Protein backbone atom coordinates (compact mmCIF):
# COMPACT_ATOMS: atom_id res chain seq x y z
CA MET A 1 3.49 16.23 -44.29
CA PRO A 2 4.53 13.25 -41.94
CA ILE A 3 4.37 13.58 -38.24
CA GLN A 4 7.76 14.86 -36.89
CA ARG A 5 9.27 12.61 -34.20
CA SER A 6 11.60 13.50 -31.39
CA LEU A 7 14.95 11.63 -31.21
CA ILE A 8 14.58 11.13 -27.55
CA VAL A 9 12.09 8.72 -26.05
CA SER A 10 11.43 9.06 -22.24
CA ASN A 11 11.44 5.67 -20.60
CA ASN A 12 9.51 7.10 -17.56
CA ALA A 13 5.83 6.71 -17.87
CA ARG A 14 4.13 9.30 -15.77
CA PRO A 15 0.75 8.13 -14.64
CA GLY A 16 -0.36 11.39 -13.07
CA ARG A 17 0.27 13.72 -10.15
CA GLY A 18 0.16 12.86 -6.50
CA ASN A 19 0.83 9.59 -4.84
CA LEU A 20 -2.76 8.25 -4.89
CA GLU A 21 -3.07 9.06 -8.63
CA ARG A 22 -0.02 7.08 -9.51
CA GLY A 23 -0.55 3.52 -10.59
CA ALA A 24 2.86 2.43 -9.74
CA ALA A 25 3.51 5.07 -7.17
CA PRO A 26 7.00 6.71 -7.14
CA TRP A 27 8.22 4.52 -4.31
CA VAL A 28 7.61 1.15 -6.16
CA THR A 29 10.82 1.35 -8.17
CA LEU A 30 13.02 1.28 -5.03
CA SER A 31 12.37 -2.42 -4.50
CA GLY A 32 15.19 -3.67 -6.73
CA ARG A 33 17.64 -1.37 -4.79
CA LEU A 34 16.70 -2.63 -1.40
CA GLN A 35 19.40 -4.93 0.10
CA LEU A 36 20.04 -6.78 -3.11
CA ASN A 37 22.89 -9.17 -3.44
CA PHE A 38 26.00 -7.48 -4.76
CA ARG A 39 26.76 -10.03 -7.23
CA LEU A 40 23.42 -9.50 -9.00
CA LEU A 41 23.82 -5.69 -9.00
CA LEU A 42 27.25 -6.05 -10.52
CA LEU A 43 25.98 -8.51 -13.19
CA ALA A 44 23.06 -6.17 -14.04
CA ALA A 45 25.45 -3.25 -14.33
CA LEU A 46 27.55 -5.33 -16.96
CA LEU A 47 24.58 -6.52 -18.84
CA SER A 48 22.42 -3.44 -18.88
CA GLY A 49 24.40 -0.42 -17.63
CA CYS A 50 22.32 -0.28 -14.53
CA ASN A 51 23.63 2.53 -12.26
CA ALA A 52 22.12 1.27 -9.07
CA LEU A 53 24.30 1.39 -6.08
CA PRO A 54 24.67 -1.68 -3.96
CA PHE A 55 23.63 -1.40 -0.25
CA ARG A 56 25.50 -3.05 2.65
CA PRO A 57 24.93 -6.72 2.84
CA ARG A 58 22.31 -8.21 5.21
CA LEU A 59 24.09 -9.54 8.38
CA PRO A 60 22.46 -11.76 10.92
CA GLU A 61 23.76 -9.85 13.88
CA LEU A 62 22.13 -6.68 12.81
CA PRO A 63 19.86 -5.58 15.83
CA PHE A 64 16.81 -4.87 13.66
CA LEU A 65 16.67 -8.30 12.26
CA GLN A 66 16.60 -10.05 15.72
CA PRO A 67 13.40 -11.22 17.35
CA GLN A 68 12.14 -8.66 19.80
CA SER A 69 9.40 -8.90 22.47
CA GLU A 70 6.56 -6.58 22.76
CA SER A 71 7.17 -3.23 24.32
CA GLY A 72 6.07 -2.88 28.02
CA ASP A 73 5.69 0.89 27.50
CA PRO A 74 2.01 1.54 26.43
CA ALA A 75 2.80 5.23 26.67
CA ARG A 76 5.17 5.10 23.68
CA PRO A 77 2.99 6.06 20.52
CA LEU A 78 2.69 3.68 17.74
CA GLN A 79 4.87 4.94 15.02
CA LEU A 80 3.12 5.00 11.54
CA LEU A 81 4.89 5.82 8.31
CA PHE A 82 2.66 6.30 5.35
CA PRO A 83 3.02 8.15 1.86
CA GLU A 84 1.70 11.69 1.74
CA GLU A 85 -1.68 11.35 -0.04
CA GLY A 86 -3.31 14.71 0.68
CA PRO A 87 -6.96 14.30 1.87
CA ILE A 88 -6.43 10.69 2.32
CA THR A 89 -3.65 11.35 4.76
CA GLN A 90 -5.84 13.77 6.67
CA ALA A 91 -8.62 11.26 6.92
CA LEU A 92 -6.19 8.52 8.10
CA ARG A 93 -5.04 10.84 10.81
CA SER A 94 -8.41 11.17 12.15
CA GLN A 95 -9.25 7.50 11.90
CA THR A 96 -6.07 6.39 13.60
CA ASP A 97 -6.50 8.92 16.39
CA SER A 98 -10.12 7.61 17.05
CA TRP A 99 -9.06 4.05 17.05
CA ALA A 100 -6.20 4.86 19.50
CA GLU A 101 -8.39 6.80 21.84
CA GLY A 102 -10.67 3.80 21.97
CA LYS A 103 -7.79 1.46 22.82
CA GLN A 104 -6.28 3.99 25.25
CA LEU A 105 -3.22 4.27 23.12
CA SER A 106 -1.60 6.92 21.09
CA VAL A 107 -0.35 7.02 17.58
CA ASP A 108 2.13 9.13 15.71
CA LEU A 109 1.55 9.19 11.96
CA SER A 110 4.40 10.55 9.77
CA ALA A 111 3.56 11.18 6.10
CA SER A 112 6.31 11.54 3.62
CA ALA A 113 6.30 12.85 -0.06
CA ALA A 114 9.67 11.03 -0.61
CA TYR A 115 8.21 7.84 0.88
CA GLY A 116 10.22 5.30 -0.92
CA GLN A 117 13.76 6.46 0.35
CA GLU A 118 12.39 7.24 3.80
CA LEU A 119 10.85 3.80 4.08
CA VAL A 120 14.09 2.16 3.34
CA ASP A 121 16.03 4.43 5.82
CA ARG A 122 13.60 3.82 8.61
CA LEU A 123 13.31 0.06 8.24
CA SER A 124 17.08 -0.20 8.42
CA GLY A 125 17.37 2.21 11.21
CA GLU A 126 17.49 1.63 15.15
CA GLU A 127 13.88 2.82 15.60
CA PRO A 128 11.72 1.40 12.79
CA PRO A 129 7.99 2.31 12.58
CA ASP A 130 5.40 -0.05 13.72
CA LEU A 131 3.15 0.19 10.60
CA VAL A 132 3.97 1.19 7.00
CA VAL A 133 2.49 1.03 3.46
CA ALA A 134 4.03 -1.56 1.06
CA THR A 135 3.03 -1.77 -2.58
CA ALA A 136 2.57 -5.18 -4.10
CA PHE A 137 5.62 -4.30 -6.32
CA LEU A 138 7.85 -3.55 -3.13
CA PHE A 139 6.50 -6.24 -0.90
CA PRO A 140 8.44 -9.22 -2.30
CA ASP A 141 11.76 -7.56 -1.63
CA LEU A 142 10.74 -6.29 1.86
CA ALA A 143 9.40 -9.75 2.90
CA HIS A 144 12.42 -11.68 1.38
CA GLN A 145 14.87 -9.37 3.27
CA GLY A 146 13.09 -9.98 6.62
CA PHE A 147 11.93 -6.47 7.05
CA LEU A 148 8.19 -7.49 7.36
CA ALA A 149 6.38 -9.61 9.92
CA PRO A 150 3.76 -12.17 8.83
CA ALA A 151 0.31 -11.70 10.50
CA PRO A 152 -0.85 -13.92 13.28
CA GLU A 153 -2.84 -16.76 11.90
CA GLY A 154 -6.53 -16.09 11.47
CA LEU A 155 -6.24 -12.34 12.05
CA LEU A 156 -6.77 -11.26 8.49
CA ASP A 157 -9.71 -12.59 6.42
CA PRO A 158 -9.13 -12.63 2.74
CA ALA A 159 -12.73 -13.75 1.97
CA ASP A 160 -14.12 -10.49 0.46
CA TYR A 161 -11.12 -9.85 -1.62
CA PRO A 162 -10.21 -10.82 -5.24
CA PRO A 163 -7.90 -13.93 -4.83
CA LEU A 164 -5.11 -12.49 -7.08
CA LEU A 165 -4.95 -9.38 -4.80
CA ALA A 166 -5.03 -11.17 -1.62
CA ALA A 167 -2.43 -13.55 -2.76
CA ALA A 168 0.07 -10.69 -3.63
CA PHE A 169 0.77 -10.19 -0.04
CA THR A 170 1.58 -13.76 0.87
CA ARG A 171 4.97 -15.56 0.90
CA PRO A 172 6.02 -19.18 1.53
CA ASN A 173 8.36 -19.80 4.51
CA LYS A 174 11.29 -22.29 4.56
CA GLU A 175 8.85 -25.13 5.08
CA GLY A 176 6.71 -24.10 2.20
CA LEU A 177 3.78 -22.84 4.26
CA LEU A 178 2.14 -19.80 2.80
CA LEU A 179 2.16 -16.91 5.20
CA ARG A 180 -0.14 -13.88 4.94
CA TYR A 181 1.49 -10.59 5.85
CA CYS A 182 -1.28 -8.11 5.13
CA LEU A 183 -4.43 -7.49 2.96
CA PRO A 184 -4.92 -5.08 0.07
CA ARG A 185 -5.95 -1.66 0.99
CA GLU A 186 -7.00 -0.32 -2.33
CA VAL A 187 -6.59 -1.24 -6.14
CA ARG A 188 -6.20 0.62 -9.37
CA THR A 189 -6.23 -0.95 -12.90
CA LEU A 190 -5.50 -0.18 -16.52
CA ALA A 191 -8.31 0.36 -19.14
CA LEU A 192 -8.74 1.86 -22.60
CA VAL A 193 -9.14 5.75 -22.36
CA PHE A 194 -10.27 7.64 -25.32
CA ASP A 195 -11.38 10.95 -26.94
CA SER A 196 -15.03 10.34 -26.90
CA PRO A 197 -16.16 13.04 -29.45
CA GLY A 198 -13.25 12.06 -31.82
CA LEU A 199 -14.27 8.31 -31.75
CA SER A 200 -17.88 9.13 -32.30
CA ALA A 201 -17.06 11.49 -35.24
CA LEU A 202 -15.48 8.45 -36.95
CA GLY A 203 -18.60 6.32 -36.30
CA LEU A 204 -16.61 3.83 -34.49
CA PRO A 205 -17.44 2.13 -31.15
CA PRO A 206 -14.76 1.62 -28.62
CA PRO A 207 -12.09 -0.83 -29.85
CA THR A 208 -12.44 -4.37 -28.64
CA SER A 209 -9.70 -6.04 -30.51
CA TRP A 210 -6.09 -5.23 -31.64
CA GLU A 211 -7.43 -4.97 -35.19
CA SER A 212 -10.15 -2.44 -34.24
CA LEU A 213 -7.70 -0.60 -32.03
CA ARG A 214 -5.49 -0.01 -34.98
CA GLU A 215 -8.33 1.04 -37.10
CA ALA A 216 -9.31 3.65 -34.53
CA ALA A 217 -5.73 4.76 -34.10
CA VAL A 218 -5.41 5.31 -37.84
CA GLY A 219 -8.72 7.31 -38.02
CA LEU A 220 -7.82 9.52 -35.00
CA THR A 221 -4.22 10.35 -36.37
CA ASP A 222 -4.01 13.78 -37.79
CA GLU A 223 -0.75 14.68 -39.40
CA GLU A 224 -1.49 18.29 -39.86
CA ARG A 225 -2.09 18.68 -36.06
CA ASN A 226 0.93 16.39 -35.13
CA ARG A 227 -1.84 14.24 -33.28
CA PHE A 228 -1.28 10.47 -32.89
CA GLY A 229 -4.15 8.09 -32.74
CA PHE A 230 -2.66 5.87 -29.98
CA ILE A 231 -0.45 7.00 -27.25
CA GLU A 232 2.03 4.44 -26.02
CA ALA A 233 4.66 4.30 -23.31
CA PRO A 234 8.16 2.66 -23.36
CA ASP A 235 7.01 0.95 -20.18
CA LEU A 236 6.49 -2.73 -19.22
CA SER A 237 3.31 -2.04 -17.25
CA ARG A 238 1.55 -0.49 -20.34
CA TRP A 239 2.87 -3.31 -22.66
CA LEU A 240 1.84 -6.22 -20.46
CA PRO A 241 -1.87 -6.14 -21.48
CA PHE A 242 -0.75 -6.86 -24.96
CA LEU A 243 1.47 -9.78 -23.83
CA PHE A 244 -1.44 -11.12 -21.72
CA GLY A 245 -3.79 -10.78 -24.59
CA ALA A 246 -1.52 -12.88 -26.72
CA GLY A 247 -1.53 -15.56 -24.07
CA GLY A 248 1.96 -14.79 -22.77
CA THR A 249 3.42 -14.03 -19.41
CA VAL A 250 6.73 -12.92 -17.83
CA ILE A 251 7.04 -15.60 -15.27
CA ASP A 252 5.40 -19.04 -16.12
CA GLU A 253 3.59 -21.40 -13.82
CA ASN A 254 6.77 -23.17 -12.82
CA GLY A 255 8.28 -19.92 -11.70
CA GLY A 256 10.64 -19.63 -14.71
CA ILE A 257 11.20 -16.67 -17.03
CA SER A 258 9.25 -16.87 -20.20
CA ILE A 259 9.50 -13.51 -21.94
CA GLU A 260 11.22 -15.16 -24.94
CA SER A 261 8.08 -16.56 -26.60
CA PRO A 262 5.87 -16.43 -29.70
CA ALA A 263 3.21 -14.40 -27.68
CA ALA A 264 5.81 -11.85 -26.63
CA ASP A 265 6.87 -11.54 -30.35
CA SER A 266 3.35 -11.07 -31.42
CA ALA A 267 2.55 -8.47 -28.77
CA MET A 268 5.60 -6.40 -29.36
CA ASP A 269 5.22 -6.57 -33.13
CA TRP A 270 1.82 -4.97 -32.80
CA TYR A 271 3.06 -2.40 -30.20
CA ILE A 272 6.11 -1.21 -32.22
CA GLN A 273 4.89 -1.63 -35.68
CA ILE A 274 1.87 0.96 -35.09
CA PHE A 275 4.50 3.23 -33.75
CA ARG A 276 6.80 2.86 -36.84
CA ASP A 277 3.81 3.35 -39.05
CA ASN A 278 3.28 6.83 -37.51
CA PHE A 279 -0.19 5.96 -36.07
CA ALA A 280 1.05 5.91 -32.45
CA GLY A 281 3.35 8.19 -30.42
CA HIS A 282 4.68 8.61 -26.98
CA ALA A 283 4.11 11.56 -24.63
CA GLY A 284 7.58 13.16 -25.08
CA GLU A 285 6.92 13.66 -28.73
CA SER A 286 4.47 16.44 -27.85
CA ASN A 287 6.51 17.65 -24.95
CA ASN A 288 4.05 16.31 -22.26
CA GLU A 289 4.71 14.30 -19.22
CA TRP A 290 2.29 11.39 -19.72
CA ALA A 291 -0.47 9.96 -21.87
CA GLY A 292 -3.23 11.84 -19.87
CA GLU A 293 -1.95 15.10 -20.62
CA VAL A 294 -1.43 14.21 -24.30
CA LEU A 295 -5.09 13.40 -24.65
CA ALA A 296 -6.39 16.30 -22.87
CA LYS A 297 -4.47 18.70 -24.98
CA GLY A 298 -5.76 17.13 -28.21
CA LYS A 299 -2.48 15.52 -29.20
CA GLY A 300 -3.66 11.88 -28.88
CA GLY A 301 -6.80 9.94 -29.26
CA ILE A 302 -6.51 6.71 -27.29
CA THR A 303 -4.23 5.32 -24.51
CA ILE A 304 -4.15 2.71 -21.98
CA GLU A 305 -4.08 4.18 -18.56
CA GLY A 306 -5.27 3.84 -14.96
CA ASN A 307 -8.39 5.18 -13.03
CA TRP A 308 -6.05 7.88 -11.55
CA ILE A 309 -6.66 9.67 -14.90
CA ALA A 310 -10.25 10.58 -14.09
CA PRO A 311 -9.49 13.02 -11.21
CA TYR A 312 -6.70 14.32 -13.17
CA PHE A 313 -8.86 15.29 -16.06
CA GLU A 314 -11.41 16.65 -13.63
CA THR A 315 -8.84 19.01 -11.95
CA GLU A 316 -6.69 19.94 -14.84
CA PHE A 317 -8.94 19.81 -17.91
CA PRO A 318 -12.51 19.75 -16.59
CA ALA A 319 -14.02 20.29 -20.18
CA TYR A 320 -12.16 17.35 -21.71
CA GLN A 321 -14.73 14.57 -22.72
CA PHE A 322 -13.33 11.07 -22.43
CA GLY A 323 -14.61 7.56 -22.52
CA VAL A 324 -13.33 4.44 -20.79
CA ALA A 325 -13.61 0.85 -22.11
CA PRO A 326 -12.04 -2.63 -21.40
CA ILE A 327 -8.70 -3.56 -22.57
CA PRO A 328 -8.98 -4.89 -26.27
CA SER A 329 -8.71 -8.49 -26.60
CA GLY A 330 -5.66 -10.05 -28.18
CA PRO A 331 -5.26 -13.19 -30.44
CA ALA A 332 -5.60 -15.37 -27.39
CA GLY A 333 -9.16 -13.91 -26.73
CA LEU A 334 -7.87 -12.35 -23.52
CA ASN A 335 -8.19 -8.74 -22.39
CA THR A 336 -6.34 -8.99 -19.10
CA SER A 337 -5.40 -5.77 -17.25
CA VAL A 338 -2.70 -4.83 -14.70
CA ALA A 339 -3.58 -4.26 -11.11
CA PHE A 340 -1.66 -1.90 -8.60
CA THR A 341 -2.21 -2.31 -4.94
CA SER A 342 -0.63 -1.83 -1.60
CA CYS A 343 -1.21 -2.90 2.02
CA TYR A 344 -0.69 -1.93 5.57
CA ALA A 345 2.26 -3.95 6.70
CA VAL A 346 3.98 -4.41 10.09
CA PRO A 347 7.75 -4.34 10.25
CA ALA A 348 9.54 -7.31 11.76
CA ALA A 349 11.57 -5.08 14.16
CA SER A 350 8.44 -3.37 15.50
CA THR A 351 8.05 -3.88 19.37
CA ARG A 352 4.27 -3.24 19.19
CA LYS A 353 3.33 -5.85 16.64
CA ASN A 354 0.06 -6.80 18.21
CA ASP A 355 -1.14 -3.23 18.33
CA ALA A 356 0.09 -2.64 14.91
CA PHE A 357 -1.70 -5.65 13.40
CA ALA A 358 -4.90 -4.72 15.15
CA LEU A 359 -4.67 -1.10 13.62
CA ALA A 360 -3.85 -2.64 10.17
CA ALA A 361 -6.98 -4.77 10.48
CA PHE A 362 -9.17 -1.85 11.39
CA LEU A 363 -7.72 0.35 8.58
CA THR A 364 -8.55 -2.27 5.94
CA GLY A 365 -12.08 -2.80 7.34
CA HIS A 366 -15.23 -1.60 5.47
CA GLU A 367 -16.03 1.15 7.77
CA ALA A 368 -12.49 2.80 7.55
CA VAL A 369 -12.13 2.29 3.97
CA GLY A 370 -15.65 3.57 3.19
CA SER A 371 -15.09 6.86 5.03
CA LEU A 372 -11.96 7.82 3.23
CA PRO A 373 -12.39 10.61 0.45
CA ASN A 374 -12.63 9.13 -2.98
CA ASP A 375 -12.46 11.04 -6.27
CA GLY A 376 -12.45 7.94 -8.44
CA GLY A 377 -8.63 7.62 -8.52
CA TRP A 378 -8.53 4.62 -6.32
CA MET A 379 -11.02 1.69 -5.69
CA PRO A 380 -11.66 -0.31 -2.70
CA ALA A 381 -10.14 -3.77 -2.71
CA GLN A 382 -13.07 -5.45 -1.00
CA ASN A 383 -15.49 -6.89 -3.64
CA GLN A 384 -18.74 -5.61 -2.09
CA MET A 385 -17.20 -2.13 -1.57
CA ARG A 386 -16.08 -1.93 -5.18
CA GLU A 387 -19.78 -2.53 -6.26
CA ASP A 388 -20.68 0.49 -4.26
CA TRP A 389 -17.85 2.45 -6.01
CA LYS A 390 -19.17 1.45 -9.47
CA ARG A 391 -22.52 2.99 -8.65
CA SER A 392 -20.60 6.16 -7.47
CA PHE A 393 -18.56 6.39 -10.72
CA PRO A 394 -20.66 4.77 -13.52
CA SER A 395 -18.35 6.15 -16.20
CA LEU A 396 -15.28 4.33 -14.67
CA VAL A 397 -16.90 0.79 -14.30
CA PRO A 398 -14.35 -0.80 -16.89
CA PHE A 399 -11.68 -0.14 -14.28
CA ALA A 400 -13.53 -2.03 -11.51
CA ASP A 401 -14.66 -4.84 -13.86
CA ALA A 402 -10.98 -5.42 -14.71
CA VAL A 403 -10.05 -6.28 -11.10
CA ALA A 404 -11.35 -9.91 -11.02
CA THR A 405 -8.77 -11.12 -13.72
CA ALA A 406 -6.13 -8.48 -13.60
CA ARG A 407 -2.46 -9.55 -13.01
CA VAL A 408 -0.93 -7.87 -10.06
CA TRP A 409 2.02 -5.53 -10.83
CA GLN A 410 4.67 -7.64 -9.02
CA PHE A 411 7.92 -9.36 -9.71
CA PRO A 412 10.00 -11.82 -7.68
CA PRO A 413 12.56 -10.37 -5.25
CA GLY A 414 15.35 -8.50 -6.99
CA PHE A 415 13.51 -7.99 -10.35
CA SER A 416 13.57 -4.30 -10.44
CA ILE A 417 16.70 -4.75 -12.47
CA PHE A 418 14.61 -6.65 -15.14
CA LEU A 419 12.12 -3.81 -15.27
CA ASP A 420 14.65 -1.04 -15.78
CA SER A 421 16.40 -3.19 -18.50
CA PHE A 422 13.07 -3.73 -20.29
CA ASN A 423 12.04 -0.10 -20.24
CA ARG A 424 15.42 1.09 -21.50
CA GLY A 425 15.41 -1.52 -24.13
CA MET A 426 11.92 -0.55 -25.28
CA VAL A 427 13.39 2.94 -26.01
CA HIS A 428 15.77 1.32 -28.50
CA LEU A 429 12.83 -0.80 -30.00
CA PHE A 430 11.03 2.40 -30.72
CA ALA A 431 14.08 3.97 -32.34
CA ALA A 432 14.71 0.81 -34.41
CA THR A 433 18.33 0.43 -33.08
CA VAL A 434 17.36 -3.09 -31.79
CA GLU A 435 14.80 -5.72 -32.91
CA ALA A 436 12.51 -7.74 -30.79
CA PRO A 437 14.18 -11.18 -31.08
CA ASP A 438 17.57 -9.86 -29.74
CA PHE A 439 15.74 -7.78 -27.20
CA PHE A 440 13.92 -10.70 -25.73
CA ALA A 441 16.84 -13.01 -25.89
CA GLU A 442 18.78 -10.75 -23.69
CA LEU A 443 15.89 -10.32 -21.25
CA GLN A 444 15.46 -14.10 -21.06
CA GLU A 445 18.95 -14.57 -20.10
CA LEU A 446 18.91 -11.66 -17.54
CA GLY A 447 15.63 -13.16 -16.13
CA GLU A 448 17.11 -16.59 -15.73
CA THR A 449 20.21 -15.23 -13.89
CA LEU A 450 18.03 -13.15 -11.58
CA LEU A 451 15.79 -16.19 -10.77
CA GLU A 452 18.69 -18.65 -10.05
CA PRO A 453 19.05 -17.64 -6.27
CA ALA A 454 15.34 -17.87 -5.62
CA VAL A 455 15.04 -21.22 -7.29
CA ASP A 456 17.88 -22.48 -4.89
CA SER A 457 16.24 -21.17 -1.68
CA GLU A 458 12.38 -21.19 -2.13
CA PRO A 459 9.51 -21.38 -4.65
CA ALA A 460 9.36 -18.27 -6.91
CA PRO A 461 6.20 -16.39 -6.91
CA ASP A 462 3.91 -17.13 -10.06
CA ALA A 463 4.05 -13.85 -11.79
CA SER A 464 1.41 -15.07 -14.34
CA GLN A 465 -1.12 -14.99 -11.51
CA SER A 466 -0.60 -13.32 -8.36
CA SER A 467 2.81 -11.95 -8.98
CA SER A 468 2.86 -10.58 -12.49
CA PRO A 469 4.82 -7.39 -13.01
């Protein structure tokens, strides 16, 4: 009896529970809705039915965009706005209090579970915070709109960071000089996660290529149990390793859109065909929220997910036995992963920039990062500290080894519309109501339109390297 499929495919990949355990944390998707040009929003609505609401235009006379001098009131606490991250937040409170006491200052750390919306509201308000957390996905929009201040020259040293991670938080000024705003505070990557006993029962090693991944998926599929061998997601971040493996990219080395390509056709053909052949499924088909839950409940054999899956299994399904392996290589011989990261950034309207940058430098230092609780769901961004992490979590080493060549989950400013359109379109690909050539042609046109303003004003970030989505 063939596996029964749902008629509804969710376009929301759910990477886990809790902010730290989310690869693209819930606040990253707000970037495209932040101070976007009204014309682009209207165009996107016409092209893809986007329901985003335009914000008011950015006007030069708005007070929070004007240069401000440092506050002469040292008694006012430094205002910090961070996402709520449970034990991590508790540890950060202790660290910032100790740092402030040594400087004879005070800090006020606010943590929000609805961080994305509160960040936008606070940055646009009359009293913005002095230090915030910005994801690599959100950073281009925040910097482009003038919400963030570049760091003083020489303050932040990127020497111990992977170049692609460190470059994600830089941006050229009008003269073309590359400015550094902040340094990565942590990193998470994607890797192959699989049912270890199930794969061993087939006598198969972890897949290393698209061909062996399909072979394993076929073997792990069980029609009687409604179990799919491979669990996919209608989500750009989970498909990107296939695009990279075929030698493709979304933004080329010249800053242009390149989604319509033979590499994209090859990657999508593999991704969709295994689904249509009934050897792959998505989480919604077994009434689960995300791939980790599907595997742990025995409804899937293999998936591509981030290292936040490890503490999820330990907490929710401690008896589940899983293995981790590198992303399988594609026809171009590449097994490139996707990296999710964030930084401590200083708002441009802060009146305490010097103190805020000093605190940001402290919080990204080895001592501060090394003393934070770590359950394997996040990795230190610094190279040497990540080696220590590998010794603490030997079963998760493929996640750490992927960092050096991983493409950062990041788009040029305003590209959240492209992401939303891609994910919605992939739902139709799964349902066979649209085919890949038409899908990519429409995305190519949308991407070219979104890049036009950036081409006129400044160089577009290289998404195939430091700024890939």
